[in-house]
């Protein structure tokens, strides 16, 4: 499956505690949502796509690359500004706003605060939210915008400090999943989607740092 970088640690936890006990083994490829979307369109053999936005799963459904009626919002992301424990760097890392929803949210927040223009020359653009976190934990960037769930997944000694970005500063990060055509005939892929909606899975999502929204059943929009 193709998995947005911010969600990969949480999906691995879901795999360990929910999917594997149900007999489902997963193989994960991670990257920015935009990168993964491009790979799917180009024929990459993924069966399920966990995006960090709603627009790309919707477009895949419209293009016929995704199975109609299987798309739903599995979580709402929470943006934080993570600070390195120790760093002499003066750079701020964000994921590429063109391909990574958390990078787009970071740009929206900085723009709303009136800081984008003054900080742009100090910004390091990473390929994904996972790469942003690598910059911060390594100290190559002093600060970075990532998902709350990514920080919570770190060992405590690596977490540094963080600022919870007010939700009013950026558009909601509604993360959607969709069954792709290559997985349409695979019962385990469909079962996986149902398990992600289970109470056990939703509890893990909340504990990891995501918010949940009331969502129509699979197949409704």
C-alpha atoms as a PDB file:
ATOM      1  CA  UNK A   1       0.000   0.000   0.000  1.00  0.00           C
ATOM      2  CA  UNK A   2       0.982   3.617  -0.560  1.00  0.00           C
ATOM      3  CA  UNK A   3       1.056   5.579   2.695  1.00  0.00           C
ATOM      4  CA  UNK A   4       1.577   9.287   3.280  1.00  0.00           C
ATOM      5  CA  UNK A   5       4.778   9.748   5.294  1.00  0.00           C
ATOM      6  CA  UNK A   6       3.088  11.316   8.325  1.00  0.00           C
ATOM      7  CA  UNK A   7       0.824   8.295   8.763  1.00  0.00           C
ATOM      8  CA  UNK A   8       3.422   5.537   8.343  1.00  0.00           C
ATOM      9  CA  UNK A   9       4.364   5.205  12.046  1.00  0.00           C
ATOM     10  CA  UNK A  10       0.713   5.017  13.048  1.00  0.00           C
ATOM     11  CA  UNK A  11      -0.090   2.488  10.349  1.00  0.00           C
ATOM     12  CA  UNK A  12       2.751   0.293  11.570  1.00  0.00           C
ATOM     13  CA  UNK A  13       1.222   0.450  15.045  1.00  0.00           C
ATOM     14  CA  UNK A  14      -2.187  -0.411  13.578  1.00  0.00           C
ATOM     15  CA  UNK A  15      -0.587  -3.304  11.740  1.00  0.00           C
ATOM     16  CA  UNK A  16       0.963  -4.655  14.928  1.00  0.00           C
ATOM     17  CA  UNK A  17      -2.120  -4.313  17.110  1.00  0.00           C
ATOM     18  CA  UNK A  18      -5.102  -4.634  14.741  1.00  0.00           C
ATOM     19  CA  UNK A  19      -4.233  -5.902  11.272  1.00  0.00           C
ATOM     20  CA  UNK A  20      -1.753  -8.663  12.021  1.00  0.00           C
ATOM     21  CA  UNK A  21      -3.978 -10.270  14.698  1.00  0.00           C
ATOM     22  CA  UNK A  22      -6.690 -10.377  12.017  1.00  0.00           C
ATOM     23  CA  UNK A  23      -4.318 -12.213   9.671  1.00  0.00           C
ATOM     24  CA  UNK A  24      -3.477  -9.252   7.431  1.00  0.00           C
ATOM     25  CA  UNK A  25       0.164  -8.517   6.604  1.00  0.00           C
ATOM     26  CA  UNK A  26       0.929  -5.229   4.880  1.00  0.00           C
ATOM     27  CA  UNK A  27       3.829  -3.905   2.833  1.00  0.00           C
ATOM     28  CA  UNK A  28       4.181  -0.145   3.045  1.00  0.00           C
ATOM     29  CA  UNK A  29       5.705   2.342   0.632  1.00  0.00           C
ATOM     30  CA  UNK A  30       5.881   5.889   1.982  1.00  0.00           C
ATOM     31  CA  UNK A  31       6.365   9.348   0.511  1.00  0.00           C
ATOM     32  CA  UNK A  32       4.503  12.584   0.096  1.00  0.00           C
ATOM     33  CA  UNK A  33       0.897  12.262  -1.010  1.00  0.00           C
ATOM     34  CA  UNK A  34       1.722  13.967  -4.297  1.00  0.00           C
ATOM     35  CA  UNK A  35       4.611  11.618  -5.034  1.00  0.00           C
ATOM     36  CA  UNK A  36       2.518   8.546  -4.281  1.00  0.00           C
ATOM     37  CA  UNK A  37      -0.375   9.866  -6.352  1.00  0.00           C
ATOM     38  CA  UNK A  38       1.956  10.267  -9.348  1.00  0.00           C
ATOM     39  CA  UNK A  39       3.273   6.724  -8.897  1.00  0.00           C
ATOM     40  CA  UNK A  40      -0.251   5.307  -8.789  1.00  0.00           C
ATOM     41  CA  UNK A  41      -1.231   7.144 -11.968  1.00  0.00           C
ATOM     42  CA  UNK A  42       1.910   5.794 -13.619  1.00  0.00           C
ATOM     43  CA  UNK A  43       0.930   2.228 -12.770  1.00  0.00           C
ATOM     44  CA  UNK A  44       2.668   1.451  -9.477  1.00  0.00           C
ATOM     45  CA  UNK A  45       1.277  -1.837  -8.084  1.00  0.00           C
ATOM     46  CA  UNK A  46      -0.398  -0.472  -4.962  1.00  0.00           C
ATOM     47  CA  UNK A  47      -3.697  -1.836  -3.677  1.00  0.00           C
ATOM     48  CA  UNK A  48      -4.593   0.810  -1.076  1.00  0.00           C
ATOM     49  CA  UNK A  49      -3.689   4.505  -0.834  1.00  0.00           C
ATOM     50  CA  UNK A  50      -3.589   6.308   2.524  1.00  0.00           C
ATOM     51  CA  UNK A  51      -3.249   9.958   1.554  1.00  0.00           C
ATOM     52  CA  UNK A  52      -2.714  12.975   3.793  1.00  0.00           C
ATOM     53  CA  UNK A  53      -5.427  14.876   1.957  1.00  0.00           C
ATOM     54  CA  UNK A  54      -8.842  14.345   0.405  1.00  0.00           C
ATOM     55  CA  UNK A  55      -8.186  15.842  -3.026  1.00  0.00           C
ATOM     56  CA  UNK A  56      -5.911  13.123  -4.393  1.00  0.00           C
ATOM     57  CA  UNK A  57      -8.075  10.118  -3.389  1.00  0.00           C
ATOM     58  CA  UNK A  58     -11.066  11.972  -4.835  1.00  0.00           C
ATOM     59  CA  UNK A  59      -9.237  12.512  -8.110  1.00  0.00           C
ATOM     60  CA  UNK A  60      -8.200   8.855  -8.278  1.00  0.00           C
ATOM     61  CA  UNK A  61     -11.835   7.863  -7.815  1.00  0.00           C
ATOM     62  CA  UNK A  62     -12.898  10.266 -10.558  1.00  0.00           C
ATOM     63  CA  UNK A  63     -10.205   8.922 -12.893  1.00  0.00           C
ATOM     64  CA  UNK A  64     -11.267   5.329 -12.289  1.00  0.00           C
ATOM     65  CA  UNK A  65      -7.939   4.466 -10.628  1.00  0.00           C
ATOM     66  CA  UNK A  66      -9.713   4.095  -7.290  1.00  0.00           C
ATOM     67  CA  UNK A  67     -12.740   1.933  -6.565  1.00  0.00           C
ATOM     68  CA  UNK A  68     -15.890   4.044  -6.389  1.00  0.00           C
ATOM     69  CA  UNK A  69     -17.522   4.127  -2.978  1.00  0.00           C
ATOM     70  CA  UNK A  70     -14.483   3.017  -0.968  1.00  0.00           C
ATOM     71  CA  UNK A  71     -13.043   6.457  -0.179  1.00  0.00           C
ATOM     72  CA  UNK A  72     -13.408   7.853   3.334  1.00  0.00           C
ATOM     73  CA  UNK A  73     -11.698  10.116   5.853  1.00  0.00           C
ATOM     74  CA  UNK A  74      -9.772   7.980   8.303  1.00  0.00           C
ATOM     75  CA  UNK A  75      -8.260  10.822  10.359  1.00  0.00           C
ATOM     76  CA  UNK A  76      -7.797  14.567  10.632  1.00  0.00           C
ATOM     77  CA  UNK A  77      -4.187  15.605  10.999  1.00  0.00           C
ATOM     78  CA  UNK A  78      -2.847  17.986  13.642  1.00  0.00           C
ATOM     79  CA  UNK A  79      -0.004  20.316  12.631  1.00  0.00           C
ATOM     80  CA  UNK A  80       2.791  21.069  15.090  1.00  0.00           C
ATOM     81  CA  UNK A  81       6.025  23.011  14.968  1.00  0.00           C
ATOM     82  CA  UNK A  82       8.706  20.682  16.267  1.00  0.00           C
ATOM     83  CA  UNK A  83      11.915  22.047  17.770  1.00  0.00           C
ATOM     84  CA  UNK A  84      15.174  20.145  17.874  1.00  0.00           C
ATOM     85  CA  UNK A  85      16.596  19.207  21.268  1.00  0.00           C
ATOM     86  CA  UNK A  86      19.929  20.715  20.251  1.00  0.00           C
ATOM     87  CA  UNK A  87      20.780  22.545  17.078  1.00  0.00           C
ATOM     88  CA  UNK A  88      22.934  25.440  15.948  1.00  0.00           C
ATOM     89  CA  UNK A  89      21.057  25.579  12.660  1.00  0.00           C
ATOM     90  CA  UNK A  90      18.890  28.557  11.796  1.00  0.00           C
ATOM     91  CA  UNK A  91      16.716  26.827   9.237  1.00  0.00           C
ATOM     92  CA  UNK A  92      13.028  25.977   9.302  1.00  0.00           C
ATOM     93  CA  UNK A  93      12.030  22.776   7.503  1.00  0.00           C
ATOM     94  CA  UNK A  94       8.696  22.205   5.791  1.00  0.00           C
ATOM     95  CA  UNK A  95       7.535  19.575   3.346  1.00  0.00           C
ATOM     96  CA  UNK A  96       7.081  20.702  -0.250  1.00  0.00           C
ATOM     97  CA  UNK A  97       3.703  22.496  -0.256  1.00  0.00           C
ATOM     98  CA  UNK A  98       3.041  21.358  -3.830  1.00  0.00           C
ATOM     99  CA  UNK A  99       3.165  17.649  -3.033  1.00  0.00           C
ATOM    100  CA  UNK A 100       2.774  17.335   0.752  1.00  0.00           C
ATOM    101  CA  UNK A 101      -0.418  18.418   2.557  1.00  0.00           C
ATOM    102  CA  UNK A 102       1.482  19.172   5.776  1.00  0.00           C
ATOM    103  CA  UNK A 103       3.779  21.453   3.815  1.00  0.00           C
ATOM    104  CA  UNK A 104       0.738  23.218   2.387  1.00  0.00           C
ATOM    105  CA  UNK A 105      -0.700  23.585   5.886  1.00  0.00           C
ATOM    106  CA  UNK A 106       2.615  24.970   7.145  1.00  0.00           C
ATOM    107  CA  UNK A 107       2.665  27.588   4.403  1.00  0.00           C
ATOM    108  CA  UNK A 108      -0.942  28.541   5.176  1.00  0.00           C
ATOM    109  CA  UNK A 109      -0.111  28.951   8.876  1.00  0.00           C
ATOM    110  CA  UNK A 110       2.977  31.056   8.230  1.00  0.00           C
ATOM    111  CA  UNK A 111       1.060  33.196   5.748  1.00  0.00           C
ATOM    112  CA  UNK A 112      -1.771  33.711   8.233  1.00  0.00           C
ATOM    113  CA  UNK A 113       0.793  34.832  10.822  1.00  0.00           C
ATOM    114  CA  UNK A 114       2.363  37.241   8.330  1.00  0.00           C
ATOM    115  CA  UNK A 115       5.691  35.385   8.472  1.00  0.00           C
ATOM    116  CA  UNK A 116       5.945  33.588   5.137  1.00  0.00           C
ATOM    117  CA  UNK A 117       7.697  36.373   3.209  1.00  0.00           C
ATOM    118  CA  UNK A 118      10.234  37.123   5.938  1.00  0.00           C
ATOM    119  CA  UNK A 119      11.052  33.475   6.630  1.00  0.00           C
ATOM    120  CA  UNK A 120      11.015  32.064   3.103  1.00  0.00           C
ATOM    121  CA  UNK A 121      14.766  32.473   2.607  1.00  0.00           C
ATOM    122  CA  UNK A 122      15.398  30.428   5.783  1.00  0.00           C
ATOM    123  CA  UNK A 123      13.086  27.585   4.801  1.00  0.00           C
ATOM    124  CA  UNK A 124      14.405  24.161   3.822  1.00  0.00           C
ATOM    125  CA  UNK A 125      11.927  22.254   1.652  1.00  0.00           C
ATOM    126  CA  UNK A 126      11.823  18.530   2.253  1.00  0.00           C
ATOM    127  CA  UNK A 127      10.189  15.875   0.097  1.00  0.00           C
ATOM    128  CA  UNK A 128       7.814  14.690   2.830  1.00  0.00           C
ATOM    129  CA  UNK A 129       6.821  15.207   6.438  1.00  0.00           C
ATOM    130  CA  UNK A 130       9.064  12.268   7.374  1.00  0.00           C
ATOM    131  CA  UNK A 131      12.056  14.035   5.856  1.00  0.00           C
ATOM    132  CA  UNK A 132      11.179  17.210   7.779  1.00  0.00           C
ATOM    133  CA  UNK A 133      11.303  15.240  11.015  1.00  0.00           C
ATOM    134  CA  UNK A 134      14.683  13.799  10.030  1.00  0.00           C
ATOM    135  CA  UNK A 135      16.016  17.330   9.578  1.00  0.00           C
ATOM    136  CA  UNK A 136      14.789  18.293  13.041  1.00  0.00           C
ATOM    137  CA  UNK A 137      15.915  15.188  14.936  1.00  0.00           C
ATOM    138  CA  UNK A 138      19.348  15.320  13.278  1.00  0.00           C
ATOM    139  CA  UNK A 139      19.737  19.009  14.117  1.00  0.00           C
ATOM    140  CA  UNK A 140      20.195  20.071  10.489  1.00  0.00           C
ATOM    141  CA  UNK A 141      17.108  22.259  10.982  1.00  0.00           C
ATOM    142  CA  UNK A 142      16.181  24.010  14.200  1.00  0.00           C
ATOM    143  CA  UNK A 143      12.445  23.809  13.580  1.00  0.00           C
ATOM    144  CA  UNK A 144      10.071  21.870  11.366  1.00  0.00           C
ATOM    145  CA  UNK A 145       6.357  21.568  10.695  1.00  0.00           C
ATOM    146  CA  UNK A 146       5.162  17.970  11.036  1.00  0.00           C
ATOM    147  CA  UNK A 147       2.192  15.945  12.254  1.00  0.00           C
ATOM    148  CA  UNK A 148       1.612  15.586  15.970  1.00  0.00           C
ATOM    149  CA  UNK A 149       1.498  11.819  15.448  1.00  0.00           C
ATOM    150  CA  UNK A 150       5.046  11.820  14.080  1.00  0.00           C
ATOM    151  CA  UNK A 151       6.406  13.503  17.188  1.00  0.00           C
ATOM    152  CA  UNK A 152       4.491  11.161  19.491  1.00  0.00           C
ATOM    153  CA  UNK A 153       5.982   8.183  17.663  1.00  0.00           C
ATOM    154  CA  UNK A 154       9.537   9.303  18.500  1.00  0.00           C
ATOM    155  CA  UNK A 155      11.466   7.998  21.505  1.00  0.00           C
ATOM    156  CA  UNK A 156      11.048  10.561  24.273  1.00  0.00           C
ATOM    157  CA  UNK A 157      14.724  11.557  24.176  1.00  0.00           C
ATOM    158  CA  UNK A 158      14.354  12.662  20.537  1.00  0.00           C
ATOM    159  CA  UNK A 159      11.135  14.663  20.840  1.00  0.00           C
ATOM    160  CA  UNK A 160      12.548  18.044  21.798  1.00  0.00           C
ATOM    161  CA  UNK A 161       9.716  20.522  22.221  1.00  0.00           C
ATOM    162  CA  UNK A 162       6.776  21.491  20.043  1.00  0.00           C
ATOM    163  CA  UNK A 163       4.107  24.108  19.481  1.00  0.00           C
ATOM    164  CA  UNK A 164       0.599  23.010  18.604  1.00  0.00           C
ATOM    165  CA  UNK A 165      -0.356  25.206  15.641  1.00  0.00           C
ATOM    166  CA  UNK A 166      -3.834  26.720  16.128  1.00  0.00           C
ATOM    167  CA  UNK A 167      -6.264  24.957  13.798  1.00  0.00           C
ATOM    168  CA  UNK A 168      -7.671  28.301  12.658  1.00  0.00           C
ATOM    169  CA  UNK A 169      -4.382  29.046  10.866  1.00  0.00           C
ATOM    170  CA  UNK A 170      -4.685  26.285   8.257  1.00  0.00           C
ATOM    171  CA  UNK A 171      -7.336  24.369   6.367  1.00  0.00           C
ATOM    172  CA  UNK A 172      -8.372  21.058   7.970  1.00  0.00           C
ATOM    173  CA  UNK A 173      -6.027  18.213   7.040  1.00  0.00           C
ATOM    174  CA  UNK A 174      -8.627  15.567   6.290  1.00  0.00           C
ATOM    175  CA  UNK A 175      -6.719  12.422   5.412  1.00  0.00           C
ATOM    176  CA  UNK A 176      -8.525   9.963   3.163  1.00  0.00           C
ATOM    177  CA  UNK A 177      -7.938   6.391   2.117  1.00  0.00           C
ATOM    178  CA  UNK A 178      -9.167   4.661  -1.027  1.00  0.00           C
ATOM    179  CA  UNK A 179      -9.102   1.117  -2.376  1.00  0.00           C
ATOM    180  CA  UNK A 180      -7.265   1.087  -5.699  1.00  0.00           C
ATOM    181  CA  UNK A 181      -8.276  -0.999  -8.694  1.00  0.00           C
ATOM    182  CA  UNK A 182      -5.376  -3.416  -8.170  1.00  0.00           C
ATOM    183  CA  UNK A 183      -6.823  -4.268  -4.765  1.00  0.00           C
ATOM    184  CA  UNK A 184     -10.452  -4.512  -5.852  1.00  0.00           C
ATOM    185  CA  UNK A 185     -10.397  -8.304  -6.076  1.00  0.00           C
ATOM    186  CA  UNK A 186      -8.329  -8.763  -2.920  1.00  0.00           C
ATOM    187  CA  UNK A 187     -10.573  -9.553   0.076  1.00  0.00           C
ATOM    188  CA  UNK A 188      -7.836  -8.652   2.562  1.00  0.00           C
ATOM    189  CA  UNK A 189      -7.605  -5.136   1.138  1.00  0.00           C
ATOM    190  CA  UNK A 190     -11.314  -4.574   1.684  1.00  0.00           C
ATOM    191  CA  UNK A 191     -11.133  -6.100   5.157  1.00  0.00           C
ATOM    192  CA  UNK A 192      -8.257  -3.762   5.986  1.00  0.00           C
ATOM    193  CA  UNK A 193     -10.426  -0.738   5.234  1.00  0.00           C
ATOM    194  CA  UNK A 194     -13.137  -2.019   7.552  1.00  0.00           C
ATOM    195  CA  UNK A 195     -10.595  -2.664  10.314  1.00  0.00           C
ATOM    196  CA  UNK A 196      -9.299   0.900  10.023  1.00  0.00           C
ATOM    197  CA  UNK A 197     -12.830   2.039  10.894  1.00  0.00           C
ATOM    198  CA  UNK A 198     -13.062  -0.242  13.923  1.00  0.00           C
ATOM    199  CA  UNK A 199     -13.223   1.118  17.459  1.00  0.00           C
ATOM    200  CA  UNK A 200      -9.849  -0.450  18.267  1.00  0.00           C
ATOM    201  CA  UNK A 201      -8.191   1.285  15.327  1.00  0.00           C
ATOM    202  CA  UNK A 202      -9.853   4.614  16.049  1.00  0.00           C
ATOM    203  CA  UNK A 203      -8.606   4.502  19.640  1.00  0.00           C
ATOM    204  CA  UNK A 204      -5.073   4.030  18.370  1.00  0.00           C
ATOM    205  CA  UNK A 205      -5.441   6.938  15.944  1.00  0.00           C
ATOM    206  CA  UNK A 206      -6.493   9.257  18.770  1.00  0.00           C
ATOM    207  CA  UNK A 207      -3.712   8.047  21.060  1.00  0.00           C
ATOM    208  CA  UNK A 208      -1.172   8.604  18.296  1.00  0.00           C
ATOM    209  CA  UNK A 209      -2.225  12.228  17.798  1.00  0.00           C
ATOM    210  CA  UNK A 210      -4.932  12.332  15.152  1.00  0.00           C
ATOM    211  CA  UNK A 211      -8.422  13.722  15.453  1.00  0.00           C
ATOM    212  CA  UNK A 212     -11.516  11.871  14.276  1.00  0.00           C
ATOM    213  CA  UNK A 213     -14.457  13.365  12.453  1.00  0.00           C
ATOM    214  CA  UNK A 214     -17.916  11.974  12.056  1.00  0.00           C
ATOM    215  CA  UNK A 215     -17.929  10.361   8.649  1.00  0.00           C
ATOM    216  CA  UNK A 216     -20.557   8.707   6.494  1.00  0.00           C
ATOM    217  CA  UNK A 217     -20.231   5.001   5.938  1.00  0.00           C
ATOM    218  CA  UNK A 218     -17.906   3.745   3.235  1.00  0.00           C
ATOM    219  CA  UNK A 219     -19.450   4.466  -0.141  1.00  0.00           C
ATOM    220  CA  UNK A 220     -21.255   7.622   0.909  1.00  0.00           C
ATOM    221  CA  UNK A 221     -19.846  11.093   0.246  1.00  0.00           C
END
